[in-house]
Amino acid sequence: ADLERIPKTAQEAFRAFSQSTTLKQRQEIVARTLEILEKRKDVLAREITEQMGRPISYTPTEITTAIKRGHYLNSISEEILGEKGIVHGMPEKRFRRFIKRQPVGVVLIIFAWNV
């Protein structure tokens, strides 16, 4: 019964949160979260290494990359959530990136760890 209630509860919480917070407030939440990740980067790197067996020489860089992407996504959030809904990503060798808005509701984002 609890498992059946979870999606409905999550959707209700999402609606309440999205209606009670402005984009600016959400941007501030993301920025604070990224600051916490930056401050705890060494601890998180050790945890990733311990949990996944990933060499410690790689994990701090992976966290730094995740933080970098978080800052970028936060910086384009006004543009992506605007009328056009498409933003071309920062150029990077061998990558063609873009973000297209297609609202789907509550989502879970999982970072890919190259193991």
N, C-alpha and C. Protein backbone atom coordinates (compact mmCIF):
# COMPACT_ATOMS: atom_id res chain seq x y z
N ALA A 1 0.83 -1.20 0.00
CA ALA A 1 0.00 0.00 0.00
C ALA A 1 0.87 1.26 0.00
N ASP A 2 1.98 1.20 0.77
CA ASP A 2 2.88 2.36 0.80
C ASP A 2 3.47 2.63 -0.58
N LEU A 3 3.87 1.56 -1.27
CA LEU A 3 4.45 1.72 -2.60
C LEU A 3 3.46 2.32 -3.59
N GLU A 4 2.20 2.00 -3.42
CA GLU A 4 1.19 2.55 -4.32
C GLU A 4 0.95 4.03 -4.04
N ARG A 5 1.17 4.47 -2.81
CA ARG A 5 0.96 5.88 -2.45
C ARG A 5 2.13 6.77 -2.85
N ILE A 6 3.31 6.21 -2.98
CA ILE A 6 4.51 7.02 -3.23
C ILE A 6 4.40 7.89 -4.48
N PRO A 7 4.03 7.36 -5.65
CA PRO A 7 3.95 8.23 -6.84
C PRO A 7 2.94 9.38 -6.67
N LYS A 8 1.80 9.09 -6.08
CA LYS A 8 0.79 10.13 -5.88
C LYS A 8 1.30 11.19 -4.90
N THR A 9 1.92 10.75 -3.83
CA THR A 9 2.46 11.68 -2.85
C THR A 9 3.56 12.54 -3.47
N ALA A 10 4.43 11.93 -4.28
CA ALA A 10 5.51 12.67 -4.94
C ALA A 10 4.94 13.71 -5.90
N GLN A 11 3.92 13.34 -6.66
CA GLN A 11 3.31 14.28 -7.60
C GLN A 11 2.66 15.44 -6.86
N GLU A 12 1.98 15.17 -5.76
CA GLU A 12 1.35 16.22 -4.97
C GLU A 12 2.40 17.16 -4.37
N ALA A 13 3.48 16.59 -3.87
CA ALA A 13 4.57 17.40 -3.31
C ALA A 13 5.21 18.25 -4.40
N PHE A 14 5.38 17.67 -5.59
CA PHE A 14 5.95 18.40 -6.72
C PHE A 14 5.06 19.60 -7.08
N ARG A 15 3.77 19.37 -7.18
CA ARG A 15 2.84 20.47 -7.52
C ARG A 15 2.88 21.57 -6.46
N ALA A 16 2.84 21.18 -5.20
CA ALA A 16 2.87 22.17 -4.11
C ALA A 16 4.17 22.96 -4.13
N PHE A 17 5.28 22.27 -4.29
CA PHE A 17 6.59 22.93 -4.32
C PHE A 17 6.69 23.87 -5.52
N SER A 18 6.28 23.40 -6.69
CA SER A 18 6.42 24.23 -7.90
C SER A 18 5.50 25.44 -7.86
N GLN A 19 4.38 25.34 -7.17
CA GLN A 19 3.46 26.48 -7.07
C GLN A 19 3.86 27.46 -5.95
N SER A 20 4.61 26.97 -4.97
CA SER A 20 4.95 27.82 -3.82
C SER A 20 6.35 28.40 -3.89
N THR A 21 7.15 28.01 -4.89
CA THR A 21 8.50 28.54 -5.01
C THR A 21 8.69 29.15 -6.39
N THR A 22 9.43 30.24 -6.41
CA THR A 22 9.75 30.88 -7.69
C THR A 22 10.97 30.21 -8.29
N LEU A 23 11.20 30.47 -9.56
CA LEU A 23 12.40 29.95 -10.22
C LEU A 23 13.64 30.47 -9.49
N LYS A 24 13.63 31.72 -9.10
CA LYS A 24 14.77 32.30 -8.38
C LYS A 24 15.05 31.52 -7.09
N GLN A 25 14.02 31.19 -6.35
CA GLN A 25 14.20 30.42 -5.11
C GLN A 25 14.79 29.03 -5.43
N ARG A 26 14.32 28.42 -6.48
CA ARG A 26 14.84 27.10 -6.85
C ARG A 26 16.29 27.19 -7.30
N GLN A 27 16.62 28.26 -8.02
CA GLN A 27 18.01 28.46 -8.43
C GLN A 27 18.91 28.59 -7.19
N GLU A 28 18.42 29.30 -6.18
CA GLU A 28 19.19 29.46 -4.94
C GLU A 28 19.37 28.12 -4.22
N ILE A 29 18.34 27.28 -4.23
CA ILE A 29 18.44 25.95 -3.61
C ILE A 29 19.50 25.12 -4.32
N VAL A 30 19.47 25.16 -5.65
CA VAL A 30 20.46 24.40 -6.43
C VAL A 30 21.87 24.94 -6.15
N ALA A 31 22.03 26.26 -6.13
CA ALA A 31 23.34 26.86 -5.87
C ALA A 31 23.87 26.45 -4.49
N ARG A 32 23.01 26.47 -3.47
CA ARG A 32 23.44 26.05 -2.13
C ARG A 32 23.82 24.57 -2.11
N THR A 33 23.05 23.76 -2.82
CA THR A 33 23.35 22.33 -2.90
C THR A 33 24.72 22.10 -3.55
N LEU A 34 25.00 22.81 -4.61
CA LEU A 34 26.29 22.67 -5.29
C LEU A 34 27.44 23.14 -4.39
N GLU A 35 27.20 24.16 -3.59
CA GLU A 35 28.21 24.61 -2.62
C GLU A 35 28.51 23.50 -1.61
N ILE A 36 27.48 22.83 -1.15
CA ILE A 36 27.65 21.72 -0.20
C ILE A 36 28.45 20.59 -0.85
N LEU A 37 28.11 20.26 -2.10
CA LEU A 37 28.86 19.22 -2.80
C LEU A 37 30.33 19.59 -2.93
N GLU A 38 30.59 20.86 -3.24
CA GLU A 38 31.97 21.33 -3.38
C GLU A 38 32.72 21.20 -2.05
N LYS A 39 32.08 21.60 -0.96
CA LYS A 39 32.71 21.53 0.35
C LYS A 39 32.97 20.09 0.79
N ARG A 40 32.12 19.16 0.36
CA ARG A 40 32.22 17.76 0.79
C ARG A 40 32.82 16.86 -0.30
N LYS A 41 33.43 17.48 -1.29
CA LYS A 41 33.95 16.73 -2.44
C LYS A 41 34.89 15.59 -2.02
N ASP A 42 35.79 15.84 -1.11
CA ASP A 42 36.74 14.80 -0.70
C ASP A 42 36.05 13.63 -0.01
N VAL A 43 35.10 13.94 0.87
CA VAL A 43 34.35 12.89 1.57
C VAL A 43 33.53 12.09 0.57
N LEU A 44 32.86 12.79 -0.34
CA LEU A 44 32.04 12.10 -1.35
C LEU A 44 32.91 11.25 -2.27
N ALA A 45 34.08 11.75 -2.63
CA ALA A 45 34.98 10.98 -3.49
C ALA A 45 35.37 9.66 -2.81
N ARG A 46 35.69 9.73 -1.52
CA ARG A 46 36.04 8.50 -0.79
C ARG A 46 34.85 7.54 -0.75
N GLU A 47 33.65 8.09 -0.53
CA GLU A 47 32.46 7.23 -0.48
C GLU A 47 32.21 6.54 -1.81
N ILE A 48 32.37 7.28 -2.90
CA ILE A 48 32.18 6.68 -4.23
C ILE A 48 33.20 5.56 -4.44
N THR A 49 34.43 5.84 -4.04
CA THR A 49 35.48 4.83 -4.18
C THR A 49 35.16 3.59 -3.36
N GLU A 50 34.73 3.80 -2.12
CA GLU A 50 34.41 2.67 -1.24
C GLU A 50 33.20 1.88 -1.73
N GLN A 51 32.20 2.58 -2.25
CA GLN A 51 30.97 1.91 -2.67
C GLN A 51 31.10 1.24 -4.04
N MET A 52 31.87 1.85 -4.93
CA MET A 52 31.92 1.37 -6.32
C MET A 52 33.26 0.76 -6.71
N GLY A 53 34.27 0.98 -5.89
CA GLY A 53 35.59 0.47 -6.25
C GLY A 53 36.30 1.33 -7.28
N ARG A 54 35.75 2.49 -7.56
CA ARG A 54 36.35 3.42 -8.52
C ARG A 54 37.64 3.98 -7.92
N PRO A 55 38.74 4.01 -8.66
CA PRO A 55 39.99 4.54 -8.11
C PRO A 55 39.82 5.98 -7.60
N ILE A 56 40.36 6.25 -6.43
CA ILE A 56 40.23 7.57 -5.80
C ILE A 56 40.82 8.67 -6.68
N SER A 57 41.73 8.33 -7.56
CA SER A 57 42.32 9.34 -8.44
C SER A 57 41.30 9.91 -9.44
N TYR A 58 40.19 9.19 -9.66
CA TYR A 58 39.17 9.66 -10.61
C TYR A 58 37.96 10.33 -9.96
N THR A 59 37.61 9.90 -8.78
CA THR A 59 36.32 10.34 -8.22
C THR A 59 36.23 11.83 -7.92
N PRO A 60 37.28 12.51 -7.43
CA PRO A 60 37.13 13.96 -7.22
C PRO A 60 36.82 14.71 -8.53
N THR A 61 37.44 14.26 -9.62
CA THR A 61 37.18 14.90 -10.92
C THR A 61 35.74 14.66 -11.36
N GLU A 62 35.21 13.48 -11.11
CA GLU A 62 33.82 13.20 -11.48
C GLU A 62 32.87 14.10 -10.70
N ILE A 63 33.15 14.31 -9.43
CA ILE A 63 32.30 15.20 -8.63
C ILE A 63 32.43 16.63 -9.12
N THR A 64 33.65 17.05 -9.43
CA THR A 64 33.86 18.40 -9.97
C THR A 64 33.09 18.58 -11.27
N THR A 65 33.09 17.56 -12.12
CA THR A 65 32.35 17.63 -13.39
C THR A 65 30.84 17.74 -13.12
N ALA A 66 30.34 16.98 -12.17
CA ALA A 66 28.92 17.05 -11.83
C ALA A 66 28.56 18.44 -11.32
N ILE A 67 29.42 19.02 -10.50
CA ILE A 67 29.18 20.36 -9.97
C ILE A 67 29.19 21.38 -11.12
N LYS A 68 30.16 21.24 -12.01
CA LYS A 68 30.26 22.14 -13.17
C LYS A 68 28.98 22.08 -14.00
N ARG A 69 28.49 20.88 -14.25
CA ARG A 69 27.26 20.74 -15.03
C ARG A 69 26.06 21.31 -14.28
N GLY A 70 26.04 21.13 -12.97
CA GLY A 70 24.96 21.70 -12.16
C GLY A 70 24.93 23.21 -12.25
N HIS A 71 26.11 23.85 -12.17
CA HIS A 71 26.18 25.31 -12.31
C HIS A 71 25.70 25.76 -13.69
N TYR A 72 26.12 25.02 -14.70
CA TYR A 72 25.71 25.36 -16.06
C TYR A 72 24.20 25.25 -16.21
N LEU A 73 23.63 24.14 -15.77
CA LEU A 73 22.18 23.96 -15.89
C LEU A 73 21.42 25.03 -15.10
N ASN A 74 21.94 25.38 -13.93
CA ASN A 74 21.31 26.42 -13.14
C ASN A 74 21.38 27.76 -13.87
N SER A 75 22.50 28.02 -14.54
CA SER A 75 22.67 29.30 -15.24
C SER A 75 21.76 29.45 -16.46
N ILE A 76 21.36 28.34 -17.07
CA ILE A 76 20.49 28.42 -18.25
C ILE A 76 19.03 28.13 -17.93
N SER A 77 18.71 27.97 -16.66
CA SER A 77 17.35 27.56 -16.30
C SER A 77 16.30 28.56 -16.74
N GLU A 78 16.60 29.85 -16.67
CA GLU A 78 15.60 30.84 -17.13
C GLU A 78 15.37 30.70 -18.62
N GLU A 79 16.44 30.48 -19.35
CA GLU A 79 16.33 30.36 -20.81
C GLU A 79 15.58 29.08 -21.20
N ILE A 80 15.94 27.97 -20.58
CA ILE A 80 15.32 26.69 -20.96
C ILE A 80 13.86 26.64 -20.55
N LEU A 81 13.52 27.32 -19.47
CA LEU A 81 12.14 27.30 -19.02
C LEU A 81 11.30 28.39 -19.69
N GLY A 82 11.92 29.14 -20.59
CA GLY A 82 11.21 30.20 -21.31
C GLY A 82 10.40 29.66 -22.48
N GLU A 83 10.02 30.56 -23.36
CA GLU A 83 9.14 30.22 -24.47
C GLU A 83 9.76 29.24 -25.46
N LYS A 84 11.01 29.46 -25.83
CA LYS A 84 11.64 28.63 -26.86
C LYS A 84 11.87 27.20 -26.37
N GLY A 85 12.40 27.07 -25.18
CA GLY A 85 12.57 25.74 -24.60
C GLY A 85 13.71 24.92 -25.15
N ILE A 86 14.61 25.53 -25.91
CA ILE A 86 15.79 24.81 -26.41
C ILE A 86 17.02 25.66 -26.13
N VAL A 87 18.05 25.04 -25.58
CA VAL A 87 19.31 25.71 -25.31
C VAL A 87 20.43 24.84 -25.84
N HIS A 88 21.33 25.44 -26.60
CA HIS A 88 22.49 24.69 -27.09
C HIS A 88 23.55 24.70 -26.01
N GLY A 89 24.15 23.57 -25.78
CA GLY A 89 25.12 23.40 -24.71
C GLY A 89 26.44 24.09 -25.00
N MET A 90 27.25 24.18 -23.94
CA MET A 90 28.58 24.75 -24.10
C MET A 90 29.38 23.85 -25.03
N PRO A 91 30.11 24.48 -25.97
CA PRO A 91 30.90 23.66 -26.88
C PRO A 91 32.01 22.92 -26.14
N GLU A 92 32.21 21.69 -26.53
CA GLU A 92 33.28 20.89 -25.96
C GLU A 92 33.69 19.88 -27.02
N LYS A 93 34.97 19.66 -27.13
CA LYS A 93 35.49 18.76 -28.15
C LYS A 93 34.78 17.40 -28.12
N ARG A 94 34.33 16.95 -29.27
CA ARG A 94 33.69 15.65 -29.48
C ARG A 94 32.28 15.54 -28.91
N PHE A 95 31.69 16.64 -28.46
CA PHE A 95 30.34 16.60 -27.92
C PHE A 95 29.45 17.62 -28.62
N ARG A 96 28.25 17.23 -28.91
CA ARG A 96 27.23 18.15 -29.41
C ARG A 96 26.10 18.07 -28.40
N ARG A 97 25.87 19.14 -27.68
CA ARG A 97 24.89 19.09 -26.61
C ARG A 97 23.77 20.10 -26.85
N PHE A 98 22.60 19.73 -26.43
CA PHE A 98 21.51 20.68 -26.38
C PHE A 98 20.51 20.17 -25.35
N ILE A 99 19.73 21.09 -24.87
CA ILE A 99 18.68 20.74 -23.91
C ILE A 99 17.37 21.21 -24.50
N LYS A 100 16.40 20.34 -24.51
CA LYS A 100 15.08 20.67 -25.02
C LYS A 100 14.07 20.39 -23.92
N ARG A 101 13.26 21.38 -23.66
CA ARG A 101 12.26 21.24 -22.60
C ARG A 101 11.07 20.44 -23.09
N GLN A 102 10.78 19.40 -22.38
CA GLN A 102 9.58 18.60 -22.61
C GLN A 102 9.07 18.19 -21.23
N PRO A 103 8.20 19.00 -20.63
CA PRO A 103 7.75 18.69 -19.27
C PRO A 103 7.12 17.30 -19.18
N VAL A 104 7.58 16.55 -18.19
CA VAL A 104 7.06 15.20 -17.99
C VAL A 104 6.60 14.99 -16.55
N GLY A 105 6.83 15.96 -15.67
CA GLY A 105 6.46 15.79 -14.27
C GLY A 105 7.68 15.49 -13.43
N VAL A 106 7.50 14.73 -12.40
CA VAL A 106 8.58 14.41 -11.48
C VAL A 106 9.55 13.45 -12.16
N VAL A 107 10.84 13.74 -12.07
CA VAL A 107 11.86 12.88 -12.66
C VAL A 107 12.98 12.63 -11.66
N LEU A 108 13.75 11.60 -11.91
CA LEU A 108 14.93 11.29 -11.13
C LEU A 108 16.11 11.35 -12.07
N ILE A 109 17.13 12.11 -11.69
CA ILE A 109 18.33 12.22 -12.51
C ILE A 109 19.42 11.40 -11.87
N ILE A 110 20.05 10.56 -12.67
CA ILE A 110 21.16 9.74 -12.20
C ILE A 110 22.38 10.07 -13.04
N PHE A 111 23.47 10.45 -12.39
CA PHE A 111 24.71 10.72 -13.11
C PHE A 111 25.33 9.40 -13.53
N ALA A 112 25.83 9.36 -14.73
CA ALA A 112 26.52 8.15 -15.20
C ALA A 112 27.96 8.19 -14.70
N TRP A 113 28.37 7.11 -14.06
CA TRP A 113 29.75 6.99 -13.60
C TRP A 113 30.41 5.98 -14.52
N ASN A 114 31.43 6.41 -15.21
CA ASN A 114 32.12 5.53 -16.16
C ASN A 114 33.03 4.58 -15.41
N VAL A 115 32.57 3.37 -15.24
CA VAL A 115 33.34 2.37 -14.49
C VAL A 115 33.83 1.31 -15.45
